[in-house]
C-alpha atoms as a PDB file:
ATOM      1  CA  MET A   1      66.419  76.695 120.476  1.00  0.00           C
ATOM      2  CA  ALA A   2      69.488  78.690 119.524  1.00  0.00           C
ATOM      3  CA  VAL A   3      72.541  78.249 121.715  1.00  0.00           C
ATOM      4  CA  THR A   4      75.809  80.125 121.603  1.00  0.00           C
ATOM      5  CA  PRO A   5      78.988  78.280 120.625  1.00  0.00           C
ATOM      6  CA  LEU A   6      80.120  78.457 124.264  1.00  0.00           C
ATOM      7  CA  GLU A   7      76.824  76.965 125.473  1.00  0.00           C
ATOM      8  CA  LEU A   8      77.245  74.211 122.904  1.00  0.00           C
ATOM      9  CA  ALA A   9      80.735  73.513 124.261  1.00  0.00           C
ATOM     10  CA  ARG A  10      79.308  73.362 127.811  1.00  0.00           C
ATOM     11  CA  ILE A  11      76.643  70.842 126.782  1.00  0.00           C
ATOM     12  CA  ALA A  12      79.247  68.638 125.106  1.00  0.00           C
ATOM     13  CA  TRP A  13      81.651  69.002 128.036  1.00  0.00           C
ATOM     14  CA  LYS A  14      78.979  67.962 130.552  1.00  0.00           C
ATOM     15  CA  ALA A  15      78.021  64.940 128.425  1.00  0.00           C
ATOM     16  CA  ALA A  16      81.650  63.805 128.163  1.00  0.00           C
ATOM     17  CA  ASP A  17      82.181  64.342 131.885  1.00  0.00           C
ATOM     18  CA  ASP A  18      79.023  62.430 132.814  1.00  0.00           C
ATOM     19  CA  LYS A  19      80.138  59.478 130.666  1.00  0.00           C
ATOM     20  CA  LYS A  20      83.491  59.376 132.473  1.00  0.00           C
ATOM     21  CA  ALA A  21      85.719  60.748 129.744  1.00  0.00           C
ATOM     22  CA  THR A  22      89.014  61.978 131.184  1.00  0.00           C
ATOM     23  CA  ASP A  23      91.347  64.903 130.545  1.00  0.00           C
ATOM     24  CA  ILE A  24      88.507  66.966 129.089  1.00  0.00           C
ATOM     25  CA  VAL A  25      89.819  70.223 127.663  1.00  0.00           C
ATOM     26  CA  VAL A  26      87.975  73.026 125.891  1.00  0.00           C
ATOM     27  CA  LEU A  27      90.182  75.282 123.808  1.00  0.00           C
ATOM     28  CA  ASP A  28      88.981  78.764 122.875  1.00  0.00           C
ATOM     29  CA  LEU A  29      89.915  79.284 119.231  1.00  0.00           C
ATOM     30  CA  THR A  30      87.816  82.407 118.676  1.00  0.00           C
ATOM     31  CA  GLU A  31      90.853  84.685 118.337  1.00  0.00           C
ATOM     32  CA  ILE A  32      93.129  82.326 116.395  1.00  0.00           C
ATOM     33  CA  SER A  33      90.992  80.306 113.962  1.00  0.00           C
ATOM     34  CA  ASP A  34      88.368  80.949 111.317  1.00  0.00           C
ATOM     35  CA  VAL A  35      87.457  77.252 111.203  1.00  0.00           C
ATOM     36  CA  CYS A  36      85.598  76.977 114.512  1.00  0.00           C
ATOM     37  CA  ASP A  37      85.225  78.706 117.880  1.00  0.00           C
ATOM     38  CA  TYR A  38      86.013  75.829 120.244  1.00  0.00           C
ATOM     39  CA  PHE A  39      87.693  72.437 120.377  1.00  0.00           C
ATOM     40  CA  LEU A  40      86.580  69.947 122.982  1.00  0.00           C
ATOM     41  CA  ILE A  41      89.245  67.278 123.471  1.00  0.00           C
ATOM     42  CA  CYS A  42      88.699  64.246 125.688  1.00  0.00           C
ATOM     43  CA  THR A  43      90.004  60.747 126.307  1.00  0.00           C
ATOM     44  CA  ALA A  44      88.243  57.440 126.901  1.00  0.00           C
ATOM     45  CA  VAL A  45      90.096  54.466 128.361  1.00  0.00           C
ATOM     46  CA  ASN A  46      88.850  51.966 125.764  1.00  0.00           C
ATOM     47  CA  ALA A  47      86.962  51.753 122.462  1.00  0.00           C
ATOM     48  CA  ARG A  48      83.644  50.851 124.092  1.00  0.00           C
ATOM     49  CA  LEU A  49      83.767  53.909 126.355  1.00  0.00           C
ATOM     50  CA  LEU A  50      84.925  56.072 123.435  1.00  0.00           C
ATOM     51  CA  ASP A  51      81.799  55.113 121.494  1.00  0.00           C
ATOM     52  CA  ALA A  52      79.619  55.720 124.564  1.00  0.00           C
ATOM     53  CA  VAL A  53      81.124  59.172 125.162  1.00  0.00           C
ATOM     54  CA  VAL A  54      80.567  60.213 121.550  1.00  0.00           C
ATOM     55  CA  GLU A  55      77.005  58.873 121.534  1.00  0.00           C
ATOM     56  CA  GLU A  56      76.244  60.760 124.751  1.00  0.00           C
ATOM     57  CA  ILE A  57      77.633  64.006 123.337  1.00  0.00           C
ATOM     58  CA  GLU A  58      75.576  63.590 120.161  1.00  0.00           C
ATOM     59  CA  GLU A  59      72.412  62.842 122.146  1.00  0.00           C
ATOM     60  CA  ARG A  60      72.816  65.702 124.635  1.00  0.00           C
ATOM     61  CA  VAL A  61      73.601  68.241 121.935  1.00  0.00           C
ATOM     62  CA  ARG A  62      70.619  67.054 119.884  1.00  0.00           C
ATOM     63  CA  VAL A  63      68.235  67.207 122.857  1.00  0.00           C
ATOM     64  CA  ASN A  64      69.536  70.415 124.466  1.00  0.00           C
ATOM     65  CA  ALA A  65      70.514  72.412 121.394  1.00  0.00           C
ATOM     66  CA  GLY A  66      68.576  70.808 118.563  1.00  0.00           C
ATOM     67  CA  ILE A  67      71.774  70.305 116.572  1.00  0.00           C
ATOM     68  CA  LYS A  68      73.208  67.276 114.815  1.00  0.00           C
ATOM     69  CA  PRO A  69      76.851  67.127 113.779  1.00  0.00           C
ATOM     70  CA  LEU A  70      77.621  68.444 110.313  1.00  0.00           C
ATOM     71  CA  SER A  71      79.955  65.471 109.999  1.00  0.00           C
ATOM     72  CA  HIS A  72      81.625  62.811 112.072  1.00  0.00           C
ATOM     73  CA  GLU A  73      84.781  60.922 111.327  1.00  0.00           C
ATOM     74  CA  GLY A  74      86.056  57.668 112.792  1.00  0.00           C
ATOM     75  CA  ARG A  75      83.613  55.118 114.121  1.00  0.00           C
ATOM     76  CA  ALA A  76      83.581  51.448 115.076  1.00  0.00           C
ATOM     77  CA  GLY A  77      86.887  50.744 116.723  1.00  0.00           C
ATOM     78  CA  ALA A  78      88.591  53.992 115.767  1.00  0.00           C
ATOM     79  CA  SER A  79      91.109  55.526 118.147  1.00  0.00           C
ATOM     80  CA  TRP A  80      89.987  59.085 117.331  1.00  0.00           C
ATOM     81  CA  ILE A  81      86.421  60.219 116.693  1.00  0.00           C
ATOM     82  CA  LEU A  82      85.688  63.728 115.482  1.00  0.00           C
ATOM     83  CA  LEU A  83      82.288  65.449 115.637  1.00  0.00           C
ATOM     84  CA  ASP A  84      82.000  68.690 113.683  1.00  0.00           C
ATOM     85  CA  TYR A  85      79.257  71.045 114.876  1.00  0.00           C
ATOM     86  CA  GLY A  86      80.552  74.040 112.947  1.00  0.00           C
ATOM     87  CA  SER A  87      81.382  76.330 115.861  1.00  0.00           C
ATOM     88  CA  LEU A  88      82.496  73.362 117.997  1.00  0.00           C
ATOM     89  CA  VAL A  89      84.677  70.440 116.980  1.00  0.00           C
ATOM     90  CA  VAL A  90      84.800  67.495 119.388  1.00  0.00           C
ATOM     91  CA  HIS A  91      87.894  65.287 119.382  1.00  0.00           C
ATOM     92  CA  ALA A  92      87.448  62.073 121.389  1.00  0.00           C
ATOM     93  CA  PHE A  93      90.555  59.912 121.647  1.00  0.00           C
ATOM     94  CA  LEU A  94      91.881  56.683 123.025  1.00  0.00           C
ATOM     95  CA  PRO A  95      94.961  57.455 125.168  1.00  0.00           C
ATOM     96  CA  GLU A  96      97.572  56.389 122.586  1.00  0.00           C
ATOM     97  CA  ALA A  97      96.034  58.500 119.827  1.00  0.00           C
ATOM     98  CA  ARG A  98      95.745  61.549 122.070  1.00  0.00           C
ATOM     99  CA  ASP A  99      99.381  61.210 123.072  1.00  0.00           C
ATOM    100  CA  TYR A 100     100.367  60.869 119.427  1.00  0.00           C
ATOM    101  CA  TYR A 101      98.409  63.819 118.002  1.00  0.00           C
ATOM    102  CA  ARG A 102      98.809  66.178 120.996  1.00  0.00           C
ATOM    103  CA  LEU A 103      96.268  68.729 119.812  1.00  0.00           C
ATOM    104  CA  GLU A 104      96.748  70.847 122.931  1.00  0.00           C
ATOM    105  CA  ARG A 105     100.371  71.405 121.919  1.00  0.00           C
ATOM    106  CA  LEU A 106      99.476  71.987 118.287  1.00  0.00           C
ATOM    107  CA  TRP A 107      96.953  74.643 119.375  1.00  0.00           C
ATOM    108  CA  GLY A 108      99.128  75.847 122.266  1.00  0.00           C
ATOM    109  CA  ASP A 109      98.211  79.504 121.682  1.00  0.00           C
ATOM    110  CA  ALA A 110      94.551  78.785 122.448  1.00  0.00           C
ATOM    111  CA  PRO A 111      93.377  79.482 126.002  1.00  0.00           C
ATOM    112  CA  GLN A 112      91.898  76.542 127.899  1.00  0.00           C
ATOM    113  CA  LEU A 113      88.493  77.277 129.405  1.00  0.00           C
ATOM    114  CA  ASP A 114      87.458  76.204 132.895  1.00  0.00           C
ATOM    115  CA  MET A 115      84.100  74.537 132.293  1.00  0.00           C
ATOM    116  CA  ASN A 116      83.521  73.850 136.010  1.00  0.00           C
ATOM    117  CA  GLN A 117      82.334  77.407 136.558  1.00  0.00           C
END
């Protein structure tokens, strides 16, 4: 059940959106990074929701794409959880951590994709 990196990003985006993550952004890094093709960045209002969002993304990607993360960093009360799927890296933040790290500014050259299409 092979999916493209963009399809993988769509699956993760939909899972985050359905779990009520906010400020969901997908950055297209295909032209500016050799590390991965896309970043998905989202925010959850509290640690419980952050865990739920990440669990939903993991479950949806596993069910719909047959993929498990290569690695994940930051669990149990963390303010930033990272899921690495190779072509897609998911960054789920609590608001303070997202404001502090400002990945959208750091990767400001990357186009933001409209996943509502």
